[in-house]
PDB file of N, CA and C in Angstrom:
ATOM      1  N   UNK A   1      -3.166  -2.050   9.679  1.00  0.00           N
ATOM      2  CA  UNK A   1      -1.863  -1.899   9.079  1.00  0.00           C
ATOM      3  C   UNK A   1      -1.002  -0.943   9.898  1.00  0.00           C
ATOM      4  N   UNK A   2      -1.532  -0.453  10.971  1.00  0.00           N
ATOM      5  CA  UNK A   2      -0.844   0.520  11.817  1.00  0.00           C
ATOM      6  C   UNK A   2      -0.591   1.803  11.039  1.00  0.00           C
ATOM      7  N   UNK A   3      -0.175   2.804  11.734  1.00  0.00           N
ATOM      8  CA  UNK A   3       0.056   4.082  11.061  1.00  0.00           C
ATOM      9  C   UNK A   3       1.272   4.021  10.162  1.00  0.00           C
ATOM     10  N   UNK A   4       2.106   3.004  10.329  1.00  0.00           N
ATOM     11  CA  UNK A   4       3.289   2.870   9.474  1.00  0.00           C
ATOM     12  C   UNK A   4       2.905   2.654   8.022  1.00  0.00           C
ATOM     13  N   UNK A   5       1.765   2.019   7.797  1.00  0.00           N
ATOM     14  CA  UNK A   5       1.351   1.688   6.443  1.00  0.00           C
ATOM     15  C   UNK A   5       1.286   2.894   5.529  1.00  0.00           C
ATOM     16  N   UNK A   6       0.787   4.014   6.041  1.00  0.00           N
ATOM     17  CA  UNK A   6       0.687   5.215   5.214  1.00  0.00           C
ATOM     18  C   UNK A   6       2.060   5.750   4.843  1.00  0.00           C
ATOM     19  N   UNK A   7       2.998   5.675   5.770  1.00  0.00           N
ATOM     20  CA  UNK A   7       4.352   6.145   5.471  1.00  0.00           C
ATOM     21  C   UNK A   7       5.011   5.229   4.444  1.00  0.00           C
ATOM     22  N   UNK A   8       4.781   3.934   4.553  1.00  0.00           N
ATOM     23  CA  UNK A   8       5.373   2.978   3.615  1.00  0.00           C
ATOM     24  C   UNK A   8       4.758   3.134   2.225  1.00  0.00           C
ATOM     25  N   UNK A   9       3.423   3.160   2.141  1.00  0.00           N
ATOM     26  CA  UNK A   9       2.745   3.264   0.845  1.00  0.00           C
ATOM     27  C   UNK A   9       3.071   4.587   0.160  1.00  0.00           C
ATOM     28  N   UNK A  10       3.205   5.666   0.946  1.00  0.00           N
ATOM     29  CA  UNK A  10       3.505   6.976   0.349  1.00  0.00           C
ATOM     30  C   UNK A  10       4.996   7.155   0.084  1.00  0.00           C
ATOM     31  N   UNK A  11       5.796   6.119   0.351  1.00  0.00           N
ATOM     32  CA  UNK A  11       7.249   6.170   0.150  1.00  0.00           C
ATOM     33  C   UNK A  11       7.880   7.319   0.946  1.00  0.00           C
ATOM     34  N   UNK A  12       7.364   7.517   2.163  1.00  0.00           N
ATOM     35  CA  UNK A  12       7.932   8.518   3.060  1.00  0.00           C
ATOM     36  C   UNK A  12       7.365   9.913   2.921  1.00  0.00           C
ATOM     37  N   UNK A  13       6.428  10.122   1.985  1.00  0.00           N
ATOM     38  CA  UNK A  13       5.839  11.457   1.816  1.00  0.00           C
ATOM     39  C   UNK A  13       5.017  11.823   3.047  1.00  0.00           C
ATOM     40  N   UNK A  14       4.158  10.907   3.492  1.00  0.00           N
ATOM     41  CA  UNK A  14       3.359  11.131   4.699  1.00  0.00           C
ATOM     42  C   UNK A  14       4.032  10.421   5.856  1.00  0.00           C
ATOM     43  N   UNK A  15       4.455  11.171   6.854  1.00  0.00           N
ATOM     44  CA  UNK A  15       5.183  10.613   7.992  1.00  0.00           C
ATOM     45  C   UNK A  15       4.206  10.092   9.041  1.00  0.00           C
ATOM     46  N   UNK A  16       4.515   8.952   9.636  1.00  0.00           N
ATOM     47  CA  UNK A  16       3.682   8.424  10.710  1.00  0.00           C
ATOM     48  C   UNK A  16       4.099   9.082  12.024  1.00  0.00           C
ATOM     49  N   UNK A  17       3.210   9.014  12.988  1.00  0.00           N
ATOM     50  CA  UNK A  17       3.510   9.577  14.302  1.00  0.00           C
ATOM     51  C   UNK A  17       3.472   8.462  15.329  1.00  0.00           C
ATOM     52  N   UNK A  18       4.099   8.683  16.471  1.00  0.00           N
ATOM     53  CA  UNK A  18       3.984   7.734  17.565  1.00  0.00           C
ATOM     54  C   UNK A  18       2.733   8.079  18.346  1.00  0.00           C
ATOM     55  N   UNK A  19       1.968   7.067  18.700  1.00  0.00           N
ATOM     56  CA  UNK A  19       0.742   7.301  19.461  1.00  0.00           C
ATOM     57  C   UNK A  19       1.098   7.709  20.884  1.00  0.00           C
ATOM     58  N   UNK A  20       0.519   8.775  21.324  1.00  0.00           N
ATOM     59  CA  UNK A  20       0.690   9.234  22.702  1.00  0.00           C
ATOM     60  C   UNK A  20      -0.669   9.693  23.201  1.00  0.00           C
ATOM     61  N   UNK A  21      -0.890   9.568  24.490  1.00  0.00           N
ATOM     62  CA  UNK A  21      -2.158   9.998  25.067  1.00  0.00           C
ATOM     63  C   UNK A  21      -1.893  10.887  26.273  1.00  0.00           C
ATOM     64  N   UNK A  22      -2.677  11.930  26.390  1.00  0.00           N
ATOM     65  CA  UNK A  22      -2.635  12.779  27.572  1.00  0.00           C
ATOM     66  C   UNK A  22      -3.852  12.424  28.399  1.00  0.00           C
ATOM     67  N   UNK A  23      -3.628  12.089  29.647  1.00  0.00           N
ATOM     68  CA  UNK A  23      -4.748  11.680  30.495  1.00  0.00           C
ATOM     69  C   UNK A  23      -5.138  12.822  31.420  1.00  0.00           C
ATOM     70  N   UNK A  24      -6.390  12.822  31.803  1.00  0.00           N
ATOM     71  CA  UNK A  24      -6.931  13.808  32.720  1.00  0.00           C
ATOM     72  C   UNK A  24      -7.374  13.054  33.965  1.00  0.00           C
ATOM     73  N   UNK A  25      -6.849  13.437  35.119  1.00  0.00           N
ATOM     74  CA  UNK A  25      -7.152  12.715  36.354  1.00  0.00           C
ATOM     75  C   UNK A  25      -8.594  12.898  36.808  1.00  0.00           C
ATOM     76  N   UNK A  26      -9.294  13.906  36.292  1.00  0.00           N
ATOM     77  CA  UNK A  26     -10.650  14.178  36.768  1.00  0.00           C
ATOM     78  C   UNK A  26     -11.741  13.756  35.781  1.00  0.00           C
ATOM     79  N   UNK A  27     -11.375  13.332  34.593  1.00  0.00           N
ATOM     80  CA  UNK A  27     -12.379  12.939  33.602  1.00  0.00           C
ATOM     81  C   UNK A  27     -12.093  11.542  33.074  1.00  0.00           C
ATOM     82  N   UNK A  28     -13.188  10.860  32.697  1.00  0.00           N
ATOM     83  CA  UNK A  28     -13.057   9.544  32.082  1.00  0.00           C
ATOM     84  C   UNK A  28     -12.483   9.670  30.684  1.00  0.00           C
ATOM     85  N   UNK A  29     -11.766   8.645  30.277  1.00  0.00           N
ATOM     86  CA  UNK A  29     -11.249   8.610  28.913  1.00  0.00           C
ATOM     87  C   UNK A  29     -11.967   7.496  28.163  1.00  0.00           C
ATOM     88  N   UNK A  30     -12.407   7.787  26.980  1.00  0.00           N
ATOM     89  CA  UNK A  30     -13.071   6.802  26.139  1.00  0.00           C
ATOM     90  C   UNK A  30     -12.209   6.558  24.913  1.00  0.00           C
ATOM     91  N   UNK A  31     -11.859   5.313  24.672  1.00  0.00           N
ATOM     92  CA  UNK A  31     -11.074   4.955  23.493  1.00  0.00           C
ATOM     93  C   UNK A  31     -11.907   4.047  22.605  1.00  0.00           C
ATOM     94  N   UNK A  32     -11.813   4.263  21.322  1.00  0.00           N
ATOM     95  CA  UNK A  32     -12.519   3.421  20.362  1.00  0.00           C
ATOM     96  C   UNK A  32     -11.476   2.827  19.426  1.00  0.00           C
ATOM     97  N   UNK A  33     -11.390   1.514  19.417  1.00  0.00           N
ATOM     98  CA  UNK A  33     -10.429   0.841  18.539  1.00  0.00           C
ATOM     99  C   UNK A  33     -11.094   0.560  17.200  1.00  0.00           C
ATOM    100  N   UNK A  34     -10.393   0.879  16.137  1.00  0.00           N
ATOM    101  CA  UNK A  34     -10.876   0.553  14.799  1.00  0.00           C
ATOM    102  C   UNK A  34      -9.780  -0.210  14.074  1.00  0.00           C
ATOM    103  N   UNK A  35     -10.177  -1.067  13.186  1.00  0.00           N
ATOM    104  CA  UNK A  35      -9.212  -1.894  12.484  1.00  0.00           C
ATOM    105  C   UNK A  35      -9.456  -1.832  10.985  1.00  0.00           C
ATOM    106  N   UNK A  36      -8.376  -1.846  10.257  1.00  0.00           N
ATOM    107  CA  UNK A  36      -8.427  -1.887   8.805  1.00  0.00           C
ATOM    108  C   UNK A  36      -7.342  -2.859   8.375  1.00  0.00           C
ATOM    109  N   UNK A  37      -7.659  -3.728   7.473  1.00  0.00           N
ATOM    110  CA  UNK A  37      -6.657  -4.683   7.030  1.00  0.00           C
ATOM    111  C   UNK A  37      -6.833  -4.966   5.544  1.00  0.00           C
ATOM    112  N   UNK A  38      -5.727  -5.177   4.903  1.00  0.00           N
ATOM    113  CA  UNK A  38      -5.749  -5.563   3.494  1.00  0.00           C
ATOM    114  C   UNK A  38      -5.863  -7.073   3.384  1.00  0.00           C
ATOM    115  N   UNK A  39      -6.136  -7.541   2.200  1.00  0.00           N
ATOM    116  CA  UNK A  39      -6.178  -8.964   1.907  1.00  0.00           C
ATOM    117  C   UNK A  39      -4.801  -9.566   2.199  1.00  0.00           C
ATOM    118  N   UNK A  40      -4.752 -10.681   2.905  1.00  0.00           N
ATOM    119  CA  UNK A  40      -3.469 -11.291   3.268  1.00  0.00           C
ATOM    120  C   UNK A  40      -2.673 -11.760   2.056  1.00  0.00           C
ATOM    121  N   UNK A  41      -3.312 -11.875   0.901  1.00  0.00           N
ATOM    122  CA  UNK A  41      -2.603 -12.282  -0.315  1.00  0.00           C
ATOM    123  C   UNK A  41      -1.975 -11.101  -1.057  1.00  0.00           C
ATOM    124  N   UNK A  42      -2.186  -9.885  -0.563  1.00  0.00           N
ATOM    125  CA  UNK A  42      -1.631  -8.709  -1.248  1.00  0.00           C
ATOM    126  C   UNK A  42      -0.269  -8.343  -0.657  1.00  0.00           C
ATOM    127  N   UNK A  43       0.320  -7.285  -1.180  1.00  0.00           N
ATOM    128  CA  UNK A  43       1.638  -6.833  -0.730  1.00  0.00           C
ATOM    129  C   UNK A  43       1.542  -5.429  -0.152  1.00  0.00           C
ATOM    130  N   UNK A  44       2.472  -5.122   0.735  1.00  0.00           N
ATOM    131  CA  UNK A  44       2.596  -3.771   1.271  1.00  0.00           C
ATOM    132  C   UNK A  44       3.950  -3.225   0.860  1.00  0.00           C
ATOM    133  N   UNK A  45       3.937  -2.059   0.272  1.00  0.00           N
ATOM    134  CA  UNK A  45       5.165  -1.404  -0.149  1.00  0.00           C
ATOM    135  C   UNK A  45       4.814  -0.066  -0.753  1.00  0.00           C
ATOM    136  N   UNK A  46       5.807   0.689  -1.162  1.00  0.00           N
ATOM    137  CA  UNK A  46       5.532   1.986  -1.781  1.00  0.00           C
ATOM    138  C   UNK A  46       4.641   1.825  -3.016  1.00  0.00           C
ATOM    139  N   UNK A  47       3.701   2.746  -3.181  1.00  0.00           N
ATOM    140  CA  UNK A  47       2.839   2.736  -4.370  1.00  0.00           C
ATOM    141  C   UNK A  47       3.723   2.841  -5.609  1.00  0.00           C
ATOM    142  N   UNK A  48       3.485   1.991  -6.570  1.00  0.00           N
ATOM    143  CA  UNK A  48       4.326   1.965  -7.775  1.00  0.00           C
ATOM    144  C   UNK A  48       4.315   3.306  -8.514  1.00  0.00           C
ATOM    145  N   UNK A  49       3.231   4.051  -8.381  1.00  0.00           N
ATOM    146  CA  UNK A  49       3.155   5.356  -9.052  1.00  0.00           C
ATOM    147  C   UNK A  49       4.016   6.414  -8.364  1.00  0.00           C
ATOM    148  N   UNK A  50       4.509   6.121  -7.165  1.00  0.00           N
ATOM    149  CA  UNK A  50       5.319   7.096  -6.425  1.00  0.00           C
ATOM    150  C   UNK A  50       6.812   6.796  -6.462  1.00  0.00           C
ATOM    151  N   UNK A  51       7.207   5.748  -7.179  1.00  0.00           N
ATOM    152  CA  UNK A  51       8.634   5.418  -7.278  1.00  0.00           C
ATOM    153  C   UNK A  51       9.054   5.410  -8.742  1.00  0.00           C
ATOM    154  N   UNK A  52      10.318   5.659  -8.976  1.00  0.00           N
ATOM    155  CA  UNK A  52      10.849   5.677 -10.335  1.00  0.00           C
ATOM    156  C   UNK A  52      12.338   5.941 -10.297  1.00  0.00           C
ATOM    157  N   UNK A  53      12.949   6.164 -11.447  1.00  0.00           N
ATOM    158  CA  UNK A  53      14.397   6.374 -11.505  1.00  0.00           C
ATOM    159  C   UNK A  53      14.882   7.544 -10.643  1.00  0.00           C
ATOM    160  N   UNK A  54      14.088   8.607 -10.571  1.00  0.00           N
ATOM    161  CA  UNK A  54      14.485   9.772  -9.779  1.00  0.00           C
ATOM    162  C   UNK A  54      13.971   9.728  -8.350  1.00  0.00           C
ATOM    163  N   UNK A  55      13.110   8.782  -8.035  1.00  0.00           N
ATOM    164  CA  UNK A  55      12.541   8.642  -6.690  1.00  0.00           C
ATOM    165  C   UNK A  55      12.491   7.158  -6.343  1.00  0.00           C
ATOM    166  N   UNK A  56      13.639   6.580  -5.948  1.00  0.00           N
ATOM    167  CA  UNK A  56      13.665   5.146  -5.647  1.00  0.00           C
ATOM    168  C   UNK A  56      12.866   4.830  -4.378  1.00  0.00           C
ATOM    169  N   UNK A  57      12.413   3.584  -4.246  1.00  0.00           N
ATOM    170  CA  UNK A  57      11.680   3.219  -3.032  1.00  0.00           C
ATOM    171  C   UNK A  57      12.596   3.294  -1.815  1.00  0.00           C
ATOM    172  N   UNK A  58      12.048   3.766  -0.701  1.00  0.00           N
ATOM    173  CA  UNK A  58      12.835   3.785   0.541  1.00  0.00           C
ATOM    174  C   UNK A  58      12.382   2.690   1.502  1.00  0.00           C
ATOM    175  N   UNK A  59      11.283   2.010   1.149  1.00  0.00           N
ATOM    176  CA  UNK A  59      10.796   0.893   1.960  1.00  0.00           C
ATOM    177  C   UNK A  59      10.686  -0.348   1.087  1.00  0.00           C
ATOM    178  N   UNK A  60      10.918  -1.510   1.682  1.00  0.00           N
ATOM    179  CA  UNK A  60      10.810  -2.766   0.944  1.00  0.00           C
ATOM    180  C   UNK A  60       9.345  -3.142   0.740  1.00  0.00           C
ATOM    181  N   UNK A  61       9.101  -4.037  -0.180  1.00  0.00           N
ATOM    182  CA  UNK A  61       7.762  -4.555  -0.470  1.00  0.00           C
ATOM    183  C   UNK A  61       7.684  -5.967   0.112  1.00  0.00           C
ATOM    184  N   UNK A  62       6.647  -6.215   0.926  1.00  0.00           N
ATOM    185  CA  UNK A  62       6.462  -7.513   1.574  1.00  0.00           C
ATOM    186  C   UNK A  62       5.034  -7.999   1.389  1.00  0.00           C
ATOM    187  N   UNK A  63       4.832  -9.317   1.388  1.00  0.00           N
ATOM    188  CA  UNK A  63       3.458  -9.819   1.458  1.00  0.00           C
ATOM    189  C   UNK A  63       2.833  -9.343   2.781  1.00  0.00           C
ATOM    190  N   UNK A  64       1.564  -8.982   2.759  1.00  0.00           N
ATOM    191  CA  UNK A  64       0.884  -8.481   3.961  1.00  0.00           C
ATOM    192  C   UNK A  64       1.008  -9.474   5.111  1.00  0.00           C
ATOM    193  N   UNK A  65       0.873 -10.758   4.808  1.00  0.00           N
ATOM    194  CA  UNK A  65       0.956 -11.771   5.862  1.00  0.00           C
ATOM    195  C   UNK A  65       2.310 -11.706   6.574  1.00  0.00           C
ATOM    196  N   UNK A  66       3.394 -11.578   5.824  1.00  0.00           N
ATOM    197  CA  UNK A  66       4.729 -11.479   6.428  1.00  0.00           C
ATOM    198  C   UNK A  66       4.870 -10.174   7.209  1.00  0.00           C
ATOM    199  N   UNK A  67       4.319  -9.084   6.664  1.00  0.00           N
ATOM    200  CA  UNK A  67       4.355  -7.791   7.357  1.00  0.00           C
ATOM    201  C   UNK A  67       3.736  -7.920   8.749  1.00  0.00           C
ATOM    202  N   UNK A  68       2.530  -8.524   8.824  1.00  0.00           N
ATOM    203  CA  UNK A  68       1.860  -8.665  10.112  1.00  0.00           C
ATOM    204  C   UNK A  68       2.625  -9.587  11.054  1.00  0.00           C
ATOM    205  N   UNK A  69       3.146 -10.696  10.550  1.00  0.00           N
ATOM    206  CA  UNK A  69       3.912 -11.611  11.411  1.00  0.00           C
ATOM    207  C   UNK A  69       5.117 -10.912  12.010  1.00  0.00           C
ATOM    208  N   UNK A  70       5.857 -10.174  11.190  1.00  0.00           N
ATOM    209  CA  UNK A  70       7.029  -9.437  11.682  1.00  0.00           C
ATOM    210  C   UNK A  70       6.606  -8.337  12.655  1.00  0.00           C
ATOM    211  N   UNK A  71       5.562  -7.605  12.306  1.00  0.00           N
ATOM    212  CA  UNK A  71       5.109  -6.480  13.129  1.00  0.00           C
ATOM    213  C   UNK A  71       4.696  -6.949  14.517  1.00  0.00           C
ATOM    214  N   UNK A  72       3.882  -8.009  14.587  1.00  0.00           N
ATOM    215  CA  UNK A  72       3.364  -8.459  15.874  1.00  0.00           C
ATOM    216  C   UNK A  72       4.344  -9.326  16.655  1.00  0.00           C
ATOM    217  N   UNK A  73       5.441  -9.743  16.055  1.00  0.00           N
ATOM    218  CA  UNK A  73       6.430 -10.537  16.789  1.00  0.00           C
ATOM    219  C   UNK A  73       7.460  -9.650  17.485  1.00  0.00           C
ATOM    220  N   UNK A  74       7.405  -8.349  17.261  1.00  0.00           N
ATOM    221  CA  UNK A  74       8.372  -7.419  17.854  1.00  0.00           C
ATOM    222  C   UNK A  74       7.821  -6.797  19.127  1.00  0.00           C
ATOM    223  N   UNK A  75       8.737  -6.392  20.003  1.00  0.00           N
ATOM    224  CA  UNK A  75       8.346  -5.649  21.194  1.00  0.00           C
ATOM    225  C   UNK A  75       8.043  -4.214  20.784  1.00  0.00           C
ATOM    226  N   UNK A  76       7.186  -3.559  21.556  1.00  0.00           N
ATOM    227  CA  UNK A  76       6.899  -2.150  21.291  1.00  0.00           C
ATOM    228  C   UNK A  76       8.149  -1.339  21.567  1.00  0.00           C
ATOM    229  N   UNK A  77       8.608  -0.640  20.549  1.00  0.00           N
ATOM    230  CA  UNK A  77       9.826   0.154  20.704  1.00  0.00           C
ATOM    231  C   UNK A  77       9.788   1.308  19.706  1.00  0.00           C
ATOM    232  N   UNK A  78       8.904   2.257  19.946  1.00  0.00           N
ATOM    233  CA  UNK A  78       8.821   3.415  19.063  1.00  0.00           C
ATOM    234  C   UNK A  78       8.549   3.005  17.631  1.00  0.00           C
ATOM    235  N   UNK A  79       9.338   3.528  16.726  1.00  0.00           N
ATOM    236  CA  UNK A  79       9.144   3.273  15.296  1.00  0.00           C
ATOM    237  C   UNK A  79      10.155   2.267  14.756  1.00  0.00           C
ATOM    238  N   UNK A  80      10.604   1.332  15.571  1.00  0.00           N
ATOM    239  CA  UNK A  80      11.651   0.400  15.140  1.00  0.00           C
ATOM    240  C   UNK A  80      11.235  -0.444  13.933  1.00  0.00           C
ATOM    241  N   UNK A  81       9.938  -0.718  13.770  1.00  0.00           N
ATOM    242  CA  UNK A  81       9.516  -1.528  12.638  1.00  0.00           C
ATOM    243  C   UNK A  81       9.695  -0.777  11.324  1.00  0.00           C
ATOM    244  N   UNK A  82       9.544   0.533  11.349  1.00  0.00           N
ATOM    245  CA  UNK A  82       9.819   1.320  10.141  1.00  0.00           C
ATOM    246  C   UNK A  82      11.275   1.170   9.738  1.00  0.00           C
ATOM    247  N   UNK A  83      12.169   1.134  10.718  1.00  0.00           N
ATOM    248  CA  UNK A  83      13.589   0.940  10.420  1.00  0.00           C
ATOM    249  C   UNK A  83      13.814  -0.412   9.747  1.00  0.00           C
ATOM    250  N   UNK A  84      13.096  -1.446  10.193  1.00  0.00           N
ATOM    251  CA  UNK A  84      13.196  -2.776   9.595  1.00  0.00           C
ATOM    252  C   UNK A  84      12.721  -2.753   8.143  1.00  0.00           C
ATOM    253  N   UNK A  85      11.675  -1.990   7.870  1.00  0.00           N
ATOM    254  CA  UNK A  85      11.092  -1.941   6.526  1.00  0.00           C
ATOM    255  C   UNK A  85      11.910  -1.096   5.554  1.00  0.00           C
ATOM    256  N   UNK A  86      12.768  -0.230   6.071  1.00  0.00           N
ATOM    257  CA  UNK A  86      13.546   0.650   5.190  1.00  0.00           C
ATOM    258  C   UNK A  86      14.573  -0.135   4.387  1.00  0.00           C
ATOM    259  N   UNK A  87      14.779   0.297   3.161  1.00  0.00           N
ATOM    260  CA  UNK A  87      15.839  -0.244   2.319  1.00  0.00           C
ATOM    261  C   UNK A  87      17.083   0.557   2.636  1.00  0.00           C
ATOM    262  N   UNK A  88      18.134  -0.128   3.012  1.00  0.00           N
ATOM    263  CA  UNK A  88      19.369   0.565   3.384  1.00  0.00           C
ATOM    264  C   UNK A  88      20.076   1.056   2.127  1.00  0.00           C
ATOM    265  N   UNK A  89      20.371   2.350   2.101  1.00  0.00           N
ATOM    266  CA  UNK A  89      21.072   2.914   0.943  1.00  0.00           C
ATOM    267  C   UNK A  89      22.559   2.603   1.040  1.00  0.00           C
ATOM    268  N   UNK A  90      23.283   2.805  -0.057  1.00  0.00           N
ATOM    269  CA  UNK A  90      24.729   2.581  -0.061  1.00  0.00           C
ATOM    270  C   UNK A  90      25.418   3.467   0.964  1.00  0.00           C
ATOM    271  N   UNK A  91      24.932   4.698   1.138  1.00  0.00           N
ATOM    272  CA  UNK A  91      25.525   5.629   2.102  1.00  0.00           C
ATOM    273  C   UNK A  91      25.317   5.136   3.530  1.00  0.00           C
ATOM    274  N   UNK A  92      24.121   4.610   3.839  1.00  0.00           N
ATOM    275  CA  UNK A  92      23.828   4.122   5.182  1.00  0.00           C
ATOM    276  C   UNK A  92      24.608   2.856   5.493  1.00  0.00           C
ATOM    277  N   UNK A  93      24.940   2.065   4.492  1.00  0.00           N
ATOM    278  CA  UNK A  93      25.654   0.803   4.692  1.00  0.00           C
ATOM    279  C   UNK A  93      27.101   1.031   5.109  1.00  0.00           C
ATOM    280  N   UNK A  94      27.646   2.205   4.808  1.00  0.00           N
ATOM    281  CA  UNK A  94      29.057   2.486   5.116  1.00  0.00           C
ATOM    282  C   UNK A  94      29.274   2.750   6.581  1.00  0.00           C
TER     283      UNK A  94
END
């Protein structure tokens, strides 16, 4: 779900970071890839317990399958996918 998932589910409480690596010219680097995925029939969006009248959602809710299709169809460009997932407020629309 990428690191964006935590920021989306927490409704912005936990901020995601951009992955960066510092390399050492004299030592080998070992990377271990791990994957976690939700059921493709589920949805990704802010946890319902974290949104309400005084704390509206700041990210949209999407089926996981659509989230992955959109995520993997984009070029790598920092956190641009988070911008796509954000719900535009009335102030931002002006």
